[in-house]
Amino acid sequence: MGCRTRAAADGLLRVVAVDGVLIPDPRRRRPGRGAWLHPDLECLGRAERRSAFSRALRVPGPLDVSEVRSHLQSKGSRETPVSVRHEGKVDPS
């Protein structure tokens, strides 16, 4: 979402919106429309600045991302897959 690069689904975190709050869904079991995010604080920040979550989840207004941020901070950077490193963008062609 934030960095707009592609990755395998097992390297992404699914998030859903519940009552205006963005909730992490690491087990991918919550109902409703989900959005996929690299498990990286930088990617979260980029998506937040671009208002990408409200567009992707089709909800009006800004969403509270504090739960996702705390989830990513608790996981730490040691669990971030190598495929998430943002070295370049994917060729759109």
C-alpha atoms as a PDB file:
ATOM      1  CA  MET A   1       0.000   0.000   0.000  1.00  0.00           C
ATOM      2  CA  GLY A   2       2.538   2.560   1.054  1.00  0.00           C
ATOM      3  CA  CYS A   3       5.525   1.805  -1.129  1.00  0.00           C
ATOM      4  CA  ARG A   4       3.496   0.378  -4.040  1.00  0.00           C
ATOM      5  CA  THR A   5       5.870  -2.539  -4.549  1.00  0.00           C
ATOM      6  CA  ARG A   6       4.670  -6.085  -5.100  1.00  0.00           C
ATOM      7  CA  ALA A   7       5.415  -8.972  -2.763  1.00  0.00           C
ATOM      8  CA  ALA A   8       4.158 -12.452  -2.032  1.00  0.00           C
ATOM      9  CA  ALA A   9       1.111 -12.585   0.233  1.00  0.00           C
ATOM     10  CA  ASP A  10       3.066 -14.356   2.976  1.00  0.00           C
ATOM     11  CA  GLY A  11       5.317 -11.292   3.261  1.00  0.00           C
ATOM     12  CA  LEU A  12       2.411  -8.847   3.745  1.00  0.00           C
ATOM     13  CA  LEU A  13       0.180  -7.890   6.663  1.00  0.00           C
ATOM     14  CA  ARG A  14      -3.576  -7.754   6.091  1.00  0.00           C
ATOM     15  CA  VAL A  15      -5.421  -4.882   7.770  1.00  0.00           C
ATOM     16  CA  VAL A  16      -9.160  -4.200   8.071  1.00  0.00           C
ATOM     17  CA  ALA A  17     -11.200  -1.196   9.171  1.00  0.00           C
ATOM     18  CA  VAL A  18     -13.498  -1.618  12.185  1.00  0.00           C
ATOM     19  CA  ASP A  19     -15.458   1.454  13.342  1.00  0.00           C
ATOM     20  CA  GLY A  20     -12.906   3.928  11.969  1.00  0.00           C
ATOM     21  CA  VAL A  21      -9.896   2.069  13.385  1.00  0.00           C
ATOM     22  CA  LEU A  22      -7.410   0.143  11.281  1.00  0.00           C
ATOM     23  CA  ILE A  23      -6.893  -3.315  12.807  1.00  0.00           C
ATOM     24  CA  PRO A  24      -4.031  -5.707  11.959  1.00  0.00           C
ATOM     25  CA  ASP A  25      -5.205  -9.130  10.805  1.00  0.00           C
ATOM     26  CA  PRO A  26      -2.086 -11.340  10.803  1.00  0.00           C
ATOM     27  CA  ARG A  27      -4.137 -14.566  10.707  1.00  0.00           C
ATOM     28  CA  ARG A  28      -6.209 -13.242   7.765  1.00  0.00           C
ATOM     29  CA  ARG A  29      -9.496 -14.307   9.322  1.00  0.00           C
ATOM     30  CA  ARG A  30     -11.394 -11.065  10.004  1.00  0.00           C
ATOM     31  CA  PRO A  31     -14.448 -10.456   7.841  1.00  0.00           C
ATOM     32  CA  GLY A  32     -14.734  -7.583   5.433  1.00  0.00           C
ATOM     33  CA  ARG A  33     -12.605  -5.844   2.892  1.00  0.00           C
ATOM     34  CA  GLY A  34      -8.905  -5.963   3.640  1.00  0.00           C
ATOM     35  CA  ALA A  35      -5.843  -4.069   2.511  1.00  0.00           C
ATOM     36  CA  TRP A  36      -2.315  -5.465   2.319  1.00  0.00           C
ATOM     37  CA  LEU A  37       0.740  -3.736   3.715  1.00  0.00           C
ATOM     38  CA  HIS A  38       4.409  -4.565   4.054  1.00  0.00           C
ATOM     39  CA  PRO A  39       5.081  -5.145   7.773  1.00  0.00           C
ATOM     40  CA  ASP A  40       7.281  -2.063   7.906  1.00  0.00           C
ATOM     41  CA  LEU A  41       6.744   1.261   9.697  1.00  0.00           C
ATOM     42  CA  GLU A  42       8.071   3.183   6.704  1.00  0.00           C
ATOM     43  CA  CYS A  43       5.505   1.587   4.407  1.00  0.00           C
ATOM     44  CA  LEU A  44       2.761   2.321   6.958  1.00  0.00           C
ATOM     45  CA  GLY A  45       3.803   5.972   7.087  1.00  0.00           C
ATOM     46  CA  ARG A  46       3.749   6.316   3.319  1.00  0.00           C
ATOM     47  CA  ALA A  47       0.285   4.753   3.070  1.00  0.00           C
ATOM     48  CA  GLU A  48      -0.959   7.026   5.839  1.00  0.00           C
ATOM     49  CA  ARG A  49       0.382  10.171   4.126  1.00  0.00           C
ATOM     50  CA  ARG A  50      -1.262   9.179   0.848  1.00  0.00           C
ATOM     51  CA  SER A  51      -4.617   8.345   2.520  1.00  0.00           C
ATOM     52  CA  ALA A  52      -4.358   4.967   0.831  1.00  0.00           C
ATOM     53  CA  PHE A  53      -6.217   3.005   3.519  1.00  0.00           C
ATOM     54  CA  SER A  54      -9.509   4.850   3.251  1.00  0.00           C
ATOM     55  CA  ARG A  55      -9.458   4.494  -0.542  1.00  0.00           C
ATOM     56  CA  ALA A  56      -8.497   0.816  -0.546  1.00  0.00           C
ATOM     57  CA  LEU A  57     -10.981  -0.125   2.163  1.00  0.00           C
ATOM     58  CA  ARG A  58     -13.678   2.158   0.734  1.00  0.00           C
ATOM     59  CA  VAL A  59     -14.434   3.943   3.997  1.00  0.00           C
ATOM     60  CA  PRO A  60     -14.966   7.697   4.375  1.00  0.00           C
ATOM     61  CA  GLY A  61     -12.552   9.867   6.299  1.00  0.00           C
ATOM     62  CA  PRO A  62      -9.188   9.161   7.896  1.00  0.00           C
ATOM     63  CA  LEU A  63      -8.568   5.957   9.857  1.00  0.00           C
ATOM     64  CA  ASP A  64      -6.792   5.584  13.199  1.00  0.00           C
ATOM     65  CA  VAL A  65      -3.622   3.540  12.509  1.00  0.00           C
ATOM     66  CA  SER A  66      -2.350   3.353  16.106  1.00  0.00           C
ATOM     67  CA  GLU A  67      -3.149  -0.373  16.499  1.00  0.00           C
ATOM     68  CA  VAL A  68      -1.291  -1.274  13.319  1.00  0.00           C
ATOM     69  CA  ARG A  69       1.658   0.920  14.346  1.00  0.00           C
ATOM     70  CA  SER A  70       1.883  -0.737  17.785  1.00  0.00           C
ATOM     71  CA  HIS A  71       1.586  -4.184  16.151  1.00  0.00           C
ATOM     72  CA  LEU A  72       4.507  -3.410  13.830  1.00  0.00           C
ATOM     73  CA  GLN A  73       6.586  -1.927  16.646  1.00  0.00           C
ATOM     74  CA  SER A  74       6.008  -4.997  18.822  1.00  0.00           C
ATOM     75  CA  LYS A  75       7.142  -7.299  16.004  1.00  0.00           C
ATOM     76  CA  GLY A  76      10.378  -5.358  15.542  1.00  0.00           C
ATOM     77  CA  SER A  77      12.459  -5.091  12.413  1.00  0.00           C
ATOM     78  CA  ARG A  78      14.125  -8.491  12.912  1.00  0.00           C
ATOM     79  CA  GLU A  79      11.018 -10.248  11.584  1.00  0.00           C
ATOM     80  CA  THR A  80      10.757  -8.126   8.448  1.00  0.00           C
ATOM     81  CA  PRO A  81      11.312 -10.399   5.439  1.00  0.00           C
ATOM     82  CA  VAL A  82      14.162  -9.641   3.061  1.00  0.00           C
ATOM     83  CA  SER A  83      11.639  -9.199   0.234  1.00  0.00           C
ATOM     84  CA  VAL A  84      10.227  -6.135   2.012  1.00  0.00           C
ATOM     85  CA  ARG A  85      13.413  -4.072   1.711  1.00  0.00           C
ATOM     86  CA  HIS A  86      12.551  -0.997  -0.362  1.00  0.00           C
ATOM     87  CA  GLU A  87      15.465  -0.859  -2.766  1.00  0.00           C
ATOM     88  CA  GLY A  88      13.454   0.082  -5.828  1.00  0.00           C
ATOM     89  CA  LYS A  89      10.035   0.187  -7.325  1.00  0.00           C
ATOM     90  CA  VAL A  90       8.545  -2.532  -9.445  1.00  0.00           C
ATOM     91  CA  ASP A  91       8.561  -1.940 -13.174  1.00  0.00           C
ATOM     92  CA  PRO A  92       4.902  -1.203 -14.029  1.00  0.00           C
ATOM     93  CA  SER A  93       5.146  -2.605 -17.581  1.00  0.00           C
END
